[in-house]
Structure formats: C-alpha cells, structure tokens
Amino acid sequence: MIIGYARVSTSDQDTALQLDALEAAGLRIYQEAGSGGIKNALNELTKCLDTVREGDTLIVWRLDRLGRSLKDLAEIITELEGRRLQITNGNHRYHQRRWKTHFSYLRWFS
C-alpha cells in the first residue's frame, strides 16, 4: 500500500502544494495543520503511522513534515525503517545511512 502524509505548521498555511503532489500518485492521504507541539498532538500522523504496514511506502512532500523536531524525526524514521517501510518524497527513497549522516551534520549546527 502507498500512503501519503501532508502537514503545515500553522492553520494560516495551506497544504495545497503538498496535496497536489500526493494526489497525483492516487493514494490515501492523511493531512493536518498545526505545529504538533505539546499542546497539539499530531492525530493524523498517529493514524498514518498506525496504518502503514511492513512493505508499505510512505510518501511525504518533504522529510521534515514527519517530525516536530530533529530528534522526533529521527525516531519516527528509525521506527518506520525497523518496520521495513519505504519512505520517499515520490522522487527518491530516503536511505537510513544517508539521513543519519545528514542529521549528524545538522546536530552540529543546532
């Protein structure tokens, strides 16, 4: 199964650009608006992560849409890859080794 997830950080923003890209793939899409901070649980993300199964593909417009912070994003990706899911933006698959190196560099600057 191929599943999409779209999120914007505030209710003033619009998911239209993300949805256009995801809808072109003809898949089930979970979407929400909100930063996902302590006060705002990412309910649709939770549903999305509960839905995906081993062998599924999760498409996100940009990788940062999955997490509220770098730590959160790393935990989500680690969990998904442990469940043997593919994570992609539709153009390329995110590989664990590549994103871990990328996040390591980002942590130096944060």
C-alpha atoms as a PDB file:
ATOM      1  CA  MET A   1       0.000   0.000   0.000  1.00  0.00           C
ATOM      2  CA  ILE A   2       1.171   3.534  -0.694  1.00  0.00           C
ATOM      3  CA  ILE A   3       0.150   6.195   1.825  1.00  0.00           C
ATOM      4  CA  GLY A   4       0.765   9.948   1.813  1.00  0.00           C
ATOM      5  CA  TYR A   5       1.136  12.430   4.656  1.00  0.00           C
ATOM      6  CA  ALA A   6       0.920  16.233   4.390  1.00  0.00           C
ATOM      7  CA  ARG A   7       1.312  18.764   7.189  1.00  0.00           C
ATOM      8  CA  VAL A   8       1.671  22.509   7.565  1.00  0.00           C
ATOM      9  CA  SER A   9       2.863  24.142  10.758  1.00  0.00           C
ATOM     10  CA  THR A  10       0.104  26.708  11.190  1.00  0.00           C
ATOM     11  CA  SER A  11      -3.552  26.948  10.257  1.00  0.00           C
ATOM     12  CA  ASP A  12      -2.652  30.032   8.173  1.00  0.00           C
ATOM     13  CA  GLN A  13      -0.611  27.871   5.803  1.00  0.00           C
ATOM     14  CA  ASP A  14      -2.042  25.742   3.031  1.00  0.00           C
ATOM     15  CA  THR A  15      -1.347  22.097   2.190  1.00  0.00           C
ATOM     16  CA  ALA A  16      -2.356  22.612  -1.473  1.00  0.00           C
ATOM     17  CA  LEU A  17       1.156  22.230  -2.917  1.00  0.00           C
ATOM     18  CA  GLN A  18       1.794  19.073  -0.902  1.00  0.00           C
ATOM     19  CA  LEU A  19      -1.630  17.649  -1.746  1.00  0.00           C
ATOM     20  CA  ASP A  20      -1.177  18.307  -5.466  1.00  0.00           C
ATOM     21  CA  ALA A  21       1.970  16.205  -5.462  1.00  0.00           C
ATOM     22  CA  LEU A  22       0.437  13.428  -3.356  1.00  0.00           C
ATOM     23  CA  GLU A  23      -2.911  13.301  -5.156  1.00  0.00           C
ATOM     24  CA  ALA A  24      -1.131  12.854  -8.485  1.00  0.00           C
ATOM     25  CA  ALA A  25       0.053   9.495  -7.139  1.00  0.00           C
ATOM     26  CA  GLY A  26      -3.557   8.468  -6.362  1.00  0.00           C
ATOM     27  CA  LEU A  27      -3.007   7.321  -2.811  1.00  0.00           C
ATOM     28  CA  ARG A  28      -4.646   7.557   0.606  1.00  0.00           C
ATOM     29  CA  ILE A  29      -3.613  10.851   2.204  1.00  0.00           C
ATOM     30  CA  TYR A  30      -3.514  11.961   5.824  1.00  0.00           C
ATOM     31  CA  GLN A  31      -3.239  15.716   6.330  1.00  0.00           C
ATOM     32  CA  GLU A  32      -3.278  18.227   9.150  1.00  0.00           C
ATOM     33  CA  ALA A  33      -2.382  21.770  10.128  1.00  0.00           C
ATOM     34  CA  GLY A  34      -0.529  22.537  13.327  1.00  0.00           C
ATOM     35  CA  SER A  35       2.968  22.543  14.717  1.00  0.00           C
ATOM     36  CA  GLY A  36       2.438  19.355  16.681  1.00  0.00           C
ATOM     37  CA  GLY A  37       3.894  20.840  19.834  1.00  0.00           C
ATOM     38  CA  ILE A  38       2.957  19.547  23.268  1.00  0.00           C
ATOM     39  CA  LYS A  39      -0.467  21.203  23.070  1.00  0.00           C
ATOM     40  CA  ASN A  40      -1.140  19.945  19.536  1.00  0.00           C
ATOM     41  CA  ALA A  41      -0.973  16.210  19.080  1.00  0.00           C
ATOM     42  CA  LEU A  42      -0.404  15.164  15.502  1.00  0.00           C
ATOM     43  CA  ASN A  43      -3.519  12.995  15.316  1.00  0.00           C
ATOM     44  CA  GLU A  44      -3.372  12.379  11.579  1.00  0.00           C
ATOM     45  CA  LEU A  45       0.314  11.453  11.770  1.00  0.00           C
ATOM     46  CA  THR A  46      -0.511   8.947  14.501  1.00  0.00           C
ATOM     47  CA  LYS A  47      -3.283   7.452  12.351  1.00  0.00           C
ATOM     48  CA  CYS A  48      -0.967   7.357   9.361  1.00  0.00           C
ATOM     49  CA  LEU A  49       1.813   5.599  11.277  1.00  0.00           C
ATOM     50  CA  ASP A  50      -0.707   3.128  12.709  1.00  0.00           C
ATOM     51  CA  THR A  51      -1.967   2.346   9.191  1.00  0.00           C
ATOM     52  CA  VAL A  52       1.318   1.617   7.421  1.00  0.00           C
ATOM     53  CA  ARG A  53       2.494  -1.993   7.454  1.00  0.00           C
ATOM     54  CA  GLU A  54       5.649  -3.873   6.525  1.00  0.00           C
ATOM     55  CA  GLY A  55       6.380  -3.430   2.844  1.00  0.00           C
ATOM     56  CA  ASP A  56       4.258  -0.264   2.521  1.00  0.00           C
ATOM     57  CA  THR A  57       5.572   3.020   1.145  1.00  0.00           C
ATOM     58  CA  LEU A  58       5.021   6.333   2.929  1.00  0.00           C
ATOM     59  CA  ILE A  59       5.248   9.405   0.712  1.00  0.00           C
ATOM     60  CA  VAL A  60       5.882  12.814   2.251  1.00  0.00           C
ATOM     61  CA  TRP A  61       6.378  16.033   0.327  1.00  0.00           C
ATOM     62  CA  ARG A  62       9.443  16.854   2.433  1.00  0.00           C
ATOM     63  CA  LEU A  63      11.019  14.752   5.149  1.00  0.00           C
ATOM     64  CA  ASP A  64      10.676  17.496   7.774  1.00  0.00           C
ATOM     65  CA  ARG A  65       6.862  17.168   7.555  1.00  0.00           C
ATOM     66  CA  LEU A  66       7.108  13.929   9.560  1.00  0.00           C
ATOM     67  CA  GLY A  67       8.650  15.313  12.731  1.00  0.00           C
ATOM     68  CA  ARG A  68       8.263  18.202  15.129  1.00  0.00           C
ATOM     69  CA  SER A  69      11.979  18.276  15.873  1.00  0.00           C
ATOM     70  CA  LEU A  70      15.154  16.677  14.611  1.00  0.00           C
ATOM     71  CA  LYS A  71      15.057  14.139  17.441  1.00  0.00           C
ATOM     72  CA  ASP A  72      11.398  13.331  16.771  1.00  0.00           C
ATOM     73  CA  LEU A  73      12.060  12.929  13.053  1.00  0.00           C
ATOM     74  CA  ALA A  74      15.000  10.594  13.655  1.00  0.00           C
ATOM     75  CA  GLU A  75      12.881   8.436  15.996  1.00  0.00           C
ATOM     76  CA  ILE A  76       9.998   8.214  13.507  1.00  0.00           C
ATOM     77  CA  ILE A  77      12.271   7.282  10.609  1.00  0.00           C
ATOM     78  CA  THR A  78      14.117   4.698  12.696  1.00  0.00           C
ATOM     79  CA  GLU A  79      10.786   3.138  13.710  1.00  0.00           C
ATOM     80  CA  LEU A  80       9.498   3.086  10.133  1.00  0.00           C
ATOM     81  CA  GLU A  81      12.665   1.565   8.720  1.00  0.00           C
ATOM     82  CA  GLY A  82      12.627  -1.009  11.538  1.00  0.00           C
ATOM     83  CA  ARG A  83       9.176  -1.957  10.285  1.00  0.00           C
ATOM     84  CA  ARG A  84      10.637  -2.339   6.770  1.00  0.00           C
ATOM     85  CA  LEU A  85       8.746   0.581   5.276  1.00  0.00           C
ATOM     86  CA  GLN A  86       9.984   2.691   2.426  1.00  0.00           C
ATOM     87  CA  ILE A  87       9.968   6.443   2.957  1.00  0.00           C
ATOM     88  CA  THR A  88      10.016   8.627  -0.135  1.00  0.00           C
ATOM     89  CA  ASN A  89       9.089  12.051  -1.416  1.00  0.00           C
ATOM     90  CA  GLY A  90       7.920  10.454  -4.638  1.00  0.00           C
ATOM     91  CA  ASN A  91      11.171  11.158  -6.457  1.00  0.00           C
ATOM     92  CA  HIS A  92      13.652   9.229  -4.364  1.00  0.00           C
ATOM     93  CA  ARG A  93      13.715   6.876  -1.407  1.00  0.00           C
ATOM     94  CA  TYR A  94      15.278   8.073   1.828  1.00  0.00           C
ATOM     95  CA  HIS A  95      18.038   5.689   2.853  1.00  0.00           C
ATOM     96  CA  GLN A  96      18.823   5.264   6.543  1.00  0.00           C
ATOM     97  CA  ARG A  97      22.584   5.720   6.180  1.00  0.00           C
ATOM     98  CA  ARG A  98      22.147   8.918   4.152  1.00  0.00           C
ATOM     99  CA  TRP A  99      19.683  10.602   6.533  1.00  0.00           C
ATOM    100  CA  LYS A 100      21.682   9.607   9.637  1.00  0.00           C
ATOM    101  CA  THR A 101      24.754  11.313   8.155  1.00  0.00           C
ATOM    102  CA  HIS A 102      22.668  14.353   7.233  1.00  0.00           C
ATOM    103  CA  PHE A 103      21.145  14.606  10.727  1.00  0.00           C
ATOM    104  CA  SER A 104      24.557  14.218  12.343  1.00  0.00           C
ATOM    105  CA  TYR A 105      25.748  17.307  10.487  1.00  0.00           C
ATOM    106  CA  LEU A 106      22.586  19.232  11.371  1.00  0.00           C
ATOM    107  CA  ARG A 107      23.036  18.492  15.087  1.00  0.00           C
ATOM    108  CA  TRP A 108      26.449  20.166  14.978  1.00  0.00           C
ATOM    109  CA  PHE A 109      24.818  23.423  13.920  1.00  0.00           C
ATOM    110  CA  SER A 110      21.704  23.341  16.106  1.00  0.00           C
END
